[in-house]
Amino acid sequence: MSPKKSVHLPRRLCNLVNRALAGVIRRRRERLGLTLQQLADSSGLTRQMIGYAEDDERNLSLESIESVAAPLGLTGSEMVFEAECWLGRMPGRCKKCNNCCLHRGRLPWLNAMRVCNRPKH
């Protein structure tokens, strides 16, 4: 038997999952009242790395996801699942341009009518 080839997610979908994961980390940290430094100290990562992950500038490894999830009261798989559920609701798609308006785990370009008011498309 030959080994199965690994199936990779399309690059665009990977980027969306990473953005949603960044939002989960930021929202959980803020909800618990933790600073970046406190989360860094309890997870074993640097404050800069967690900041990069929250700003969607760097991707976390699976080990790092587990390390960050524990102080937030989650397992790594629960955190990824929460990000996927958030994406499943398609919160970042606007009716006007159907672009993803998700940025740093938030939706800055969608107004109350879910229409994009992004300056450039």
Protein backbone atom coordinates (compact mmCIF):
# COMPACT_ATOMS: atom_id res chain seq x y z
CA MET A 1 0.00 0.00 0.00
CA SER A 2 1.24 3.43 -0.85
CA PRO A 3 0.91 6.20 1.72
CA LYS A 4 -1.88 8.69 1.21
CA LYS A 5 -0.92 12.08 -0.06
CA SER A 6 -1.68 14.84 2.37
CA VAL A 7 -4.43 17.17 1.33
CA HIS A 8 -3.62 20.82 1.77
CA LEU A 9 -6.20 23.50 2.22
CA PRO A 10 -6.28 26.15 -0.51
CA ARG A 11 -3.99 29.05 0.40
CA ARG A 12 -6.89 31.51 0.64
CA LEU A 13 -8.76 29.24 3.07
CA CYS A 14 -5.63 28.74 5.20
CA ASN A 15 -5.27 32.50 5.45
CA LEU A 16 -8.89 32.83 6.59
CA VAL A 17 -8.47 30.14 9.25
CA ASN A 18 -5.32 31.84 10.53
CA ARG A 19 -7.13 35.19 10.66
CA ALA A 20 -10.03 33.66 12.53
CA LEU A 21 -7.62 31.97 14.94
CA ALA A 22 -5.96 35.33 15.56
CA GLY A 23 -9.37 36.74 16.43
CA VAL A 24 -10.13 33.88 18.81
CA ILE A 25 -6.87 34.47 20.68
CA ARG A 26 -7.44 38.22 20.93
CA ARG A 27 -11.11 38.00 21.97
CA ARG A 28 -10.42 35.29 24.59
CA ARG A 29 -7.44 37.18 26.01
CA GLU A 30 -9.40 40.44 26.25
CA ARG A 31 -12.43 38.67 27.75
CA LEU A 32 -10.21 37.18 30.48
CA GLY A 33 -8.56 40.56 31.09
CA LEU A 34 -5.07 39.30 30.28
CA THR A 35 -2.34 41.46 28.81
CA LEU A 36 -0.06 40.20 26.08
CA GLN A 37 2.75 39.89 28.62
CA GLN A 38 0.62 37.85 31.04
CA LEU A 39 -0.44 35.48 28.24
CA ALA A 40 3.17 35.22 27.08
CA ASP A 41 4.41 34.41 30.58
CA SER A 42 1.83 31.69 31.11
CA SER A 43 2.19 30.17 27.62
CA GLY A 44 5.97 30.17 27.37
CA LEU A 45 6.00 32.19 24.15
CA THR A 46 7.30 35.72 23.74
CA ARG A 47 5.00 38.73 23.93
CA GLN A 48 6.14 39.69 20.45
CA MET A 49 5.18 36.31 18.98
CA ILE A 50 1.71 36.42 20.51
CA GLY A 51 1.30 39.98 19.25
CA TYR A 52 2.31 38.89 15.75
CA ALA A 53 -0.17 35.99 15.93
CA GLU A 54 -3.00 38.27 17.08
CA ASP A 55 -2.22 40.73 14.30
CA ASP A 56 -2.17 37.87 11.76
CA GLU A 57 1.43 38.59 10.82
CA ARG A 58 2.73 35.15 11.81
CA ASN A 59 1.20 31.69 11.98
CA LEU A 60 1.46 29.59 15.11
CA SER A 61 2.68 25.99 15.04
CA LEU A 62 0.50 23.28 16.56
CA GLU A 63 2.67 23.23 19.67
CA SER A 64 2.34 27.00 20.02
CA ILE A 65 -1.43 26.81 19.57
CA GLU A 66 -1.57 24.30 22.44
CA SER A 67 0.66 26.55 24.56
CA VAL A 68 -1.50 29.63 23.96
CA ALA A 69 -4.80 27.77 24.37
CA ALA A 70 -4.06 26.41 27.86
CA PRO A 71 -3.98 29.79 29.68
CA LEU A 72 -7.13 30.76 27.78
CA GLY A 73 -8.98 27.76 29.22
CA LEU A 74 -9.08 25.81 25.97
CA THR A 75 -7.30 22.97 24.28
CA GLY A 76 -5.64 23.60 20.94
CA SER A 77 -8.32 21.67 19.09
CA GLU A 78 -11.09 23.62 20.84
CA MET A 79 -9.46 26.88 19.82
CA VAL A 80 -9.15 25.79 16.17
CA PHE A 81 -12.74 24.50 16.28
CA GLU A 82 -13.95 27.87 17.60
CA ALA A 83 -12.13 29.61 14.74
CA GLU A 84 -13.67 27.25 12.18
CA CYS A 85 -17.15 27.75 13.64
CA TRP A 86 -16.68 31.49 13.45
CA LEU A 87 -15.64 31.15 9.81
CA GLY A 88 -18.57 28.81 9.12
CA ARG A 89 -20.94 31.66 9.82
CA MET A 90 -19.09 33.57 7.07
CA PRO A 91 -18.98 36.80 9.08
CA GLY A 92 -16.43 38.41 6.81
CA ARG A 93 -18.33 38.28 3.53
CA CYS A 94 -20.11 41.41 2.47
CA LYS A 95 -23.10 41.48 0.14
CA LYS A 96 -21.63 44.16 -2.10
CA CYS A 97 -18.27 42.77 -3.15
CA ASN A 98 -18.21 39.26 -1.59
CA ASN A 99 -14.67 39.97 -0.39
CA CYS A 100 -13.49 38.86 2.97
CA CYS A 101 -13.62 41.89 5.20
CA LEU A 102 -12.11 40.02 8.13
CA HIS A 103 -9.06 41.78 9.57
CA ARG A 104 -7.26 40.95 12.80
CA GLY A 105 -10.21 38.87 13.95
CA ARG A 106 -12.64 41.76 13.57
CA LEU A 107 -14.91 43.11 10.86
CA PRO A 108 -13.89 46.76 10.48
CA TRP A 109 -15.25 47.28 6.99
CA LEU A 110 -18.78 45.93 7.39
CA ASN A 111 -21.54 48.29 8.42
CA ALA A 112 -24.81 47.25 10.10
CA MET A 113 -26.31 46.25 6.75
CA ARG A 114 -23.32 43.90 6.14
CA VAL A 115 -22.19 46.06 3.23
CA CYS A 116 -18.54 46.72 2.70
CA ASN A 117 -17.33 50.27 3.19
CA ARG A 118 -13.70 49.41 2.51
CA PRO A 119 -11.92 52.30 0.76
CA LYS A 120 -10.20 50.07 -1.85
CA HIS A 121 -11.29 46.72 -3.25
